[in-house]
Amino acid sequence: MRRHGRQTCAAAMDELLAYGERKIRAAIRGIPDGVYPFEDWMDDDGVGGPPVALRVRITVAGDRIALDFSGTGPQVPGDIIGSTRSATSRMPVSAIR
């Protein structure tokens, strides 16, 4: 920031975010519109309980996607997926891959 100033740095960061969004939207446009369901299971709840369902329906429309995790198992006592905000926000990225 010393070299270019706060305003230039902020503008560069804004452009990097906009560039990333353009790239992602272009990639999404390459996926045929439709609904893509996926299901998997965790072996247990992290403390020896029953298996836990992980379900997602990915809806693609143009350059937009929506993820619906309805039907995924309930919150469990063990840390099987991650209980932090960063782990939770990572789940949609994993679902899309």
C-alpha atoms as a PDB file:
ATOM      1  CA  MET A   1       0.000   0.000   0.000  1.00  0.00           C
ATOM      2  CA  ARG A   2       2.896   2.355   0.549  1.00  0.00           C
ATOM      3  CA  ARG A   3       3.897   2.154  -3.095  1.00  0.00           C
ATOM      4  CA  HIS A   4       0.470   2.378  -4.762  1.00  0.00           C
ATOM      5  CA  GLY A   5      -1.827   3.678  -2.043  1.00  0.00           C
ATOM      6  CA  ARG A   6      -4.947   2.374  -0.379  1.00  0.00           C
ATOM      7  CA  GLN A   7      -7.336   3.269  -3.222  1.00  0.00           C
ATOM      8  CA  THR A   8      -5.275   1.477  -5.889  1.00  0.00           C
ATOM      9  CA  CYS A   9      -4.854  -1.608  -3.692  1.00  0.00           C
ATOM     10  CA  ALA A  10      -8.573  -1.717  -2.931  1.00  0.00           C
ATOM     11  CA  ALA A  11      -9.388  -1.399  -6.646  1.00  0.00           C
ATOM     12  CA  ALA A  12      -6.959  -4.222  -7.462  1.00  0.00           C
ATOM     13  CA  MET A  13      -8.547  -6.482  -4.826  1.00  0.00           C
ATOM     14  CA  ASP A  14     -12.029  -5.680  -6.161  1.00  0.00           C
ATOM     15  CA  GLU A  15     -10.896  -6.568  -9.680  1.00  0.00           C
ATOM     16  CA  LEU A  16      -9.378  -9.860  -8.515  1.00  0.00           C
ATOM     17  CA  LEU A  17     -12.699 -10.833  -6.933  1.00  0.00           C
ATOM     18  CA  ALA A  18     -14.603  -9.792 -10.073  1.00  0.00           C
ATOM     19  CA  TYR A  19     -12.177 -11.765 -12.261  1.00  0.00           C
ATOM     20  CA  GLY A  20     -12.644 -14.865 -10.105  1.00  0.00           C
ATOM     21  CA  GLU A  21     -16.414 -14.529 -10.350  1.00  0.00           C
ATOM     22  CA  ARG A  22     -16.254 -14.187 -14.147  1.00  0.00           C
ATOM     23  CA  LYS A  23     -14.106 -17.330 -14.393  1.00  0.00           C
ATOM     24  CA  ILE A  24     -16.412 -19.353 -12.129  1.00  0.00           C
ATOM     25  CA  ARG A  25     -19.556 -18.215 -13.943  1.00  0.00           C
ATOM     26  CA  ALA A  26     -17.973 -19.154 -17.296  1.00  0.00           C
ATOM     27  CA  ALA A  27     -17.172 -22.618 -15.939  1.00  0.00           C
ATOM     28  CA  ILE A  28     -20.739 -23.036 -14.624  1.00  0.00           C
ATOM     29  CA  ARG A  29     -22.145 -22.056 -18.036  1.00  0.00           C
ATOM     30  CA  GLY A  30     -20.250 -25.076 -19.410  1.00  0.00           C
ATOM     31  CA  ILE A  31     -22.391 -27.428 -17.284  1.00  0.00           C
ATOM     32  CA  PRO A  32     -25.736 -28.407 -18.838  1.00  0.00           C
ATOM     33  CA  ASP A  33     -28.714 -26.917 -17.017  1.00  0.00           C
ATOM     34  CA  GLY A  34     -30.369 -29.426 -14.745  1.00  0.00           C
ATOM     35  CA  VAL A  35     -30.532 -30.952 -11.292  1.00  0.00           C
ATOM     36  CA  TYR A  36     -27.691 -33.176 -10.147  1.00  0.00           C
ATOM     37  CA  PRO A  37     -28.339 -35.208  -6.990  1.00  0.00           C
ATOM     38  CA  PHE A  38     -25.572 -36.879  -5.005  1.00  0.00           C
ATOM     39  CA  GLU A  39     -25.592 -39.012  -1.884  1.00  0.00           C
ATOM     40  CA  ASP A  40     -22.849 -40.454   0.280  1.00  0.00           C
ATOM     41  CA  TRP A  41     -22.610 -41.732   3.832  1.00  0.00           C
ATOM     42  CA  MET A  42     -20.264 -41.194   6.747  1.00  0.00           C
ATOM     43  CA  ASP A  43     -19.523 -44.538   8.442  1.00  0.00           C
ATOM     44  CA  ASP A  44     -20.757 -43.279  11.806  1.00  0.00           C
ATOM     45  CA  ASP A  45     -21.460 -40.145  13.814  1.00  0.00           C
ATOM     46  CA  GLY A  46     -17.884 -39.781  15.027  1.00  0.00           C
ATOM     47  CA  VAL A  47     -18.515 -41.400  18.394  1.00  0.00           C
ATOM     48  CA  GLY A  48     -19.589 -44.890  17.334  1.00  0.00           C
ATOM     49  CA  GLY A  49     -23.198 -44.210  16.412  1.00  0.00           C
ATOM     50  CA  PRO A  50     -25.068 -45.037  13.198  1.00  0.00           C
ATOM     51  CA  PRO A  51     -24.090 -43.987   9.652  1.00  0.00           C
ATOM     52  CA  VAL A  52     -24.891 -40.389   8.663  1.00  0.00           C
ATOM     53  CA  ALA A  53     -26.342 -39.465   5.259  1.00  0.00           C
ATOM     54  CA  LEU A  54     -24.818 -36.642   3.223  1.00  0.00           C
ATOM     55  CA  ARG A  55     -27.132 -35.502   0.435  1.00  0.00           C
ATOM     56  CA  VAL A  56     -26.993 -32.596  -1.981  1.00  0.00           C
ATOM     57  CA  ARG A  57     -28.988 -31.550  -5.029  1.00  0.00           C
ATOM     58  CA  ILE A  58     -27.096 -29.153  -7.273  1.00  0.00           C
ATOM     59  CA  THR A  59     -29.307 -27.105  -9.579  1.00  0.00           C
ATOM     60  CA  VAL A  60     -27.547 -25.482 -12.538  1.00  0.00           C
ATOM     61  CA  ALA A  61     -29.250 -22.714 -14.511  1.00  0.00           C
ATOM     62  CA  GLY A  62     -27.133 -20.653 -16.871  1.00  0.00           C
ATOM     63  CA  ASP A  63     -24.233 -19.256 -14.870  1.00  0.00           C
ATOM     64  CA  ARG A  64     -25.855 -19.859 -11.481  1.00  0.00           C
ATOM     65  CA  ILE A  65     -25.942 -22.833  -9.143  1.00  0.00           C
ATOM     66  CA  ALA A  66     -27.948 -23.632  -6.045  1.00  0.00           C
ATOM     67  CA  LEU A  67     -27.103 -26.331  -3.513  1.00  0.00           C
ATOM     68  CA  ASP A  68     -29.784 -27.998  -1.413  1.00  0.00           C
ATOM     69  CA  PHE A  69     -28.547 -30.182   1.441  1.00  0.00           C
ATOM     70  CA  SER A  70     -32.071 -31.275   2.453  1.00  0.00           C
ATOM     71  CA  GLY A  71     -32.116 -34.869   3.592  1.00  0.00           C
ATOM     72  CA  THR A  72     -28.612 -34.728   5.010  1.00  0.00           C
ATOM     73  CA  GLY A  73     -28.402 -36.366   8.419  1.00  0.00           C
ATOM     74  CA  PRO A  74     -28.887 -34.341  11.588  1.00  0.00           C
ATOM     75  CA  GLN A  75     -26.187 -32.684  13.635  1.00  0.00           C
ATOM     76  CA  VAL A  76     -24.183 -35.360  15.423  1.00  0.00           C
ATOM     77  CA  PRO A  77     -22.049 -35.421  18.584  1.00  0.00           C
ATOM     78  CA  GLY A  78     -18.782 -36.222  16.797  1.00  0.00           C
ATOM     79  CA  ASP A  79     -16.680 -33.933  14.603  1.00  0.00           C
ATOM     80  CA  ILE A  80     -17.129 -35.916  11.381  1.00  0.00           C
ATOM     81  CA  ILE A  81     -17.369 -33.072   8.896  1.00  0.00           C
ATOM     82  CA  GLY A  82     -15.979 -30.132  10.748  1.00  0.00           C
ATOM     83  CA  SER A  83     -17.741 -27.842  13.093  1.00  0.00           C
ATOM     84  CA  THR A  84     -15.921 -24.637  12.258  1.00  0.00           C
ATOM     85  CA  ARG A  85     -17.238 -21.982   9.933  1.00  0.00           C
ATOM     86  CA  SER A  86     -14.386 -22.608   7.476  1.00  0.00           C
ATOM     87  CA  ALA A  87     -15.168 -26.333   7.318  1.00  0.00           C
ATOM     88  CA  THR A  88     -18.859 -25.636   6.787  1.00  0.00           C
ATOM     89  CA  SER A  89     -18.234 -23.090   4.049  1.00  0.00           C
ATOM     90  CA  ARG A  90     -15.964 -25.610   2.312  1.00  0.00           C
ATOM     91  CA  MET A  91     -18.797 -28.145   1.908  1.00  0.00           C
ATOM     92  CA  PRO A  92     -20.385 -26.463  -1.158  1.00  0.00           C
ATOM     93  CA  VAL A  93     -17.006 -26.396  -2.906  1.00  0.00           C
ATOM     94  CA  SER A  94     -16.586 -30.107  -2.249  1.00  0.00           C
ATOM     95  CA  ALA A  95     -20.114 -30.793  -3.485  1.00  0.00           C
ATOM     96  CA  ILE A  96     -19.495 -28.974  -6.749  1.00  0.00           C
ATOM     97  CA  ARG A  97     -16.251 -30.794  -7.473  1.00  0.00           C
END
